[in-house]
Amino acid sequence: ATGSSGARELVKEALERYGLSQADAGQYVLCDVVGRFEGTERRWQTEGLRVLSDAEKPLLIQDLWKPREGFSRRLELRRRVEVEELASRDVDTTTAGQSRARALAAAGRGAGSG
């Protein structure tokens, strides 16, 4: 993986590394996750999650945008279904449902994505 590798390419590489079929790549998304380690057990606590589009360059993004002090950023491979479930539970009283539509669109399930 290099700074010019796209998110879809990294998903396929991760599946190969874990012995899973690259044919299943459409079932997974790469997420840019910001959080921090908390407590004596240093458990990861996610503060924000964003699904990366297939063409985004995750390693470049990590280089350019650093989280604020006390937080860390990492890439996570997640099942598309899991991210869609998280989006459906997201209650946003400010934009009244727009965040769900954005999350679904980012996961490739928005309007017009078939």
Protein backbone atom coordinates (compact mmCIF):
# COMPACT_ATOMS: atom_id res chain seq x y z
CA ALA A 1 0.00 0.00 0.00
CA THR A 2 1.23 3.45 -0.91
CA GLY A 3 -0.03 7.02 -0.67
CA SER A 4 -1.51 6.63 -4.13
CA SER A 5 -3.49 3.46 -3.27
CA GLY A 6 -7.26 3.91 -3.39
CA ALA A 7 -9.63 2.69 -0.67
CA ARG A 8 -11.06 -0.11 -2.87
CA GLU A 9 -7.54 -1.36 -3.58
CA LEU A 10 -6.75 -1.42 0.16
CA VAL A 11 -9.96 -3.33 0.88
CA LYS A 12 -8.91 -6.01 -1.61
CA GLU A 13 -5.40 -6.16 -0.14
CA ALA A 14 -6.79 -6.55 3.39
CA LEU A 15 -9.14 -9.33 2.32
CA GLU A 16 -6.26 -11.15 0.67
CA ARG A 17 -4.09 -10.73 3.79
CA TYR A 18 -6.83 -12.22 5.98
CA GLY A 19 -7.45 -15.11 3.60
CA LEU A 20 -10.85 -13.90 2.40
CA SER A 21 -12.04 -13.81 -1.19
CA GLN A 22 -11.47 -10.57 -3.08
CA ALA A 23 -14.75 -11.34 -4.84
CA ASP A 24 -16.42 -10.29 -1.57
CA ALA A 25 -14.81 -6.83 -1.66
CA GLY A 26 -18.19 -5.17 -2.32
CA GLN A 27 -19.38 -6.39 1.09
CA TYR A 28 -16.72 -4.32 2.86
CA VAL A 29 -15.87 -0.64 3.21
CA LEU A 30 -12.78 1.10 4.49
CA CYS A 31 -13.52 3.56 7.28
CA ASP A 32 -11.52 6.52 8.53
CA VAL A 33 -11.99 6.35 12.31
CA VAL A 34 -11.03 8.92 14.93
CA GLY A 35 -10.98 7.96 18.57
CA ARG A 36 -8.81 7.41 21.61
CA PHE A 37 -7.71 4.77 24.03
CA GLU A 38 -9.47 5.07 27.40
CA GLY A 39 -9.30 3.50 30.82
CA THR A 40 -6.73 1.29 32.46
CA GLU A 41 -7.27 -1.39 29.81
CA ARG A 42 -6.65 1.19 27.08
CA ARG A 43 -9.80 0.22 25.15
CA TRP A 44 -10.43 2.01 21.88
CA GLN A 45 -13.34 4.46 21.99
CA THR A 46 -14.55 5.60 18.56
CA GLU A 47 -15.47 9.28 18.40
CA GLY A 48 -16.19 9.53 14.69
CA LEU A 49 -16.34 7.25 11.67
CA ARG A 50 -16.45 8.09 7.97
CA VAL A 51 -16.77 5.65 5.09
CA LEU A 52 -14.11 6.34 2.47
CA SER A 53 -15.16 6.40 -1.17
CA ASP A 54 -13.46 3.87 -3.43
CA ALA A 55 -11.24 6.49 -5.08
CA GLU A 56 -10.06 8.25 -1.90
CA LYS A 57 -6.42 7.81 -0.92
CA PRO A 58 -6.55 6.71 2.74
CA LEU A 59 -2.83 6.84 3.49
CA LEU A 60 -2.57 10.32 1.99
CA ILE A 61 -5.56 11.46 4.06
CA GLN A 62 -3.93 10.15 7.23
CA ASP A 63 -0.75 12.07 6.41
CA LEU A 64 -2.52 15.34 5.70
CA TRP A 65 -5.17 15.48 8.44
CA LYS A 66 -4.15 14.78 11.98
CA PRO A 67 -6.78 14.49 14.74
CA ARG A 68 -6.68 16.93 17.61
CA GLU A 69 -4.47 16.31 20.60
CA GLY A 70 -5.39 13.23 22.63
CA PHE A 71 -7.06 11.51 19.68
CA SER A 72 -5.79 9.03 17.11
CA ARG A 73 -6.86 8.10 13.62
CA ARG A 74 -6.93 4.62 12.18
CA LEU A 75 -8.35 2.78 9.21
CA GLU A 76 -10.85 0.01 9.85
CA LEU A 77 -12.22 -2.58 7.45
CA ARG A 78 -15.91 -3.01 8.22
CA ARG A 79 -18.77 -4.91 6.70
CA ARG A 80 -20.96 -2.64 4.60
CA VAL A 81 -24.06 -3.99 6.39
CA GLU A 82 -22.62 -3.00 9.78
CA VAL A 83 -21.99 0.57 8.61
CA GLU A 84 -25.51 0.79 7.16
CA GLU A 85 -26.95 -0.39 10.49
CA LEU A 86 -24.94 2.26 12.35
CA ALA A 87 -26.21 4.90 9.94
CA SER A 88 -29.83 3.80 10.43
CA ARG A 89 -29.46 4.24 14.22
CA ASP A 90 -27.84 7.66 13.85
CA VAL A 91 -30.25 10.27 15.19
CA ASP A 92 -29.36 13.75 14.03
CA THR A 93 -31.82 16.36 15.21
CA THR A 94 -29.99 19.17 13.42
CA THR A 95 -30.11 17.91 9.85
CA ALA A 96 -33.12 15.60 10.26
CA GLY A 97 -32.00 12.48 8.45
CA GLN A 98 -29.42 13.96 6.12
CA SER A 99 -26.57 12.20 7.95
CA ARG A 100 -28.16 8.79 7.29
CA ALA A 101 -28.52 9.62 3.61
CA ARG A 102 -24.88 10.76 3.49
CA ALA A 103 -23.68 7.61 5.27
CA LEU A 104 -25.67 5.37 2.95
CA ALA A 105 -24.43 7.26 -0.08
CA ALA A 106 -20.87 6.97 1.16
CA ALA A 107 -21.41 3.24 1.65
CA GLY A 108 -22.54 3.03 -1.99
CA ARG A 109 -26.21 2.50 -1.20
CA GLY A 110 -27.55 6.01 -1.81
CA ALA A 111 -30.05 7.11 -4.40
CA GLY A 112 -29.14 6.03 -7.86
CA SER A 113 -26.61 3.40 -6.77
CA GLY A 114 -28.82 0.52 -7.85
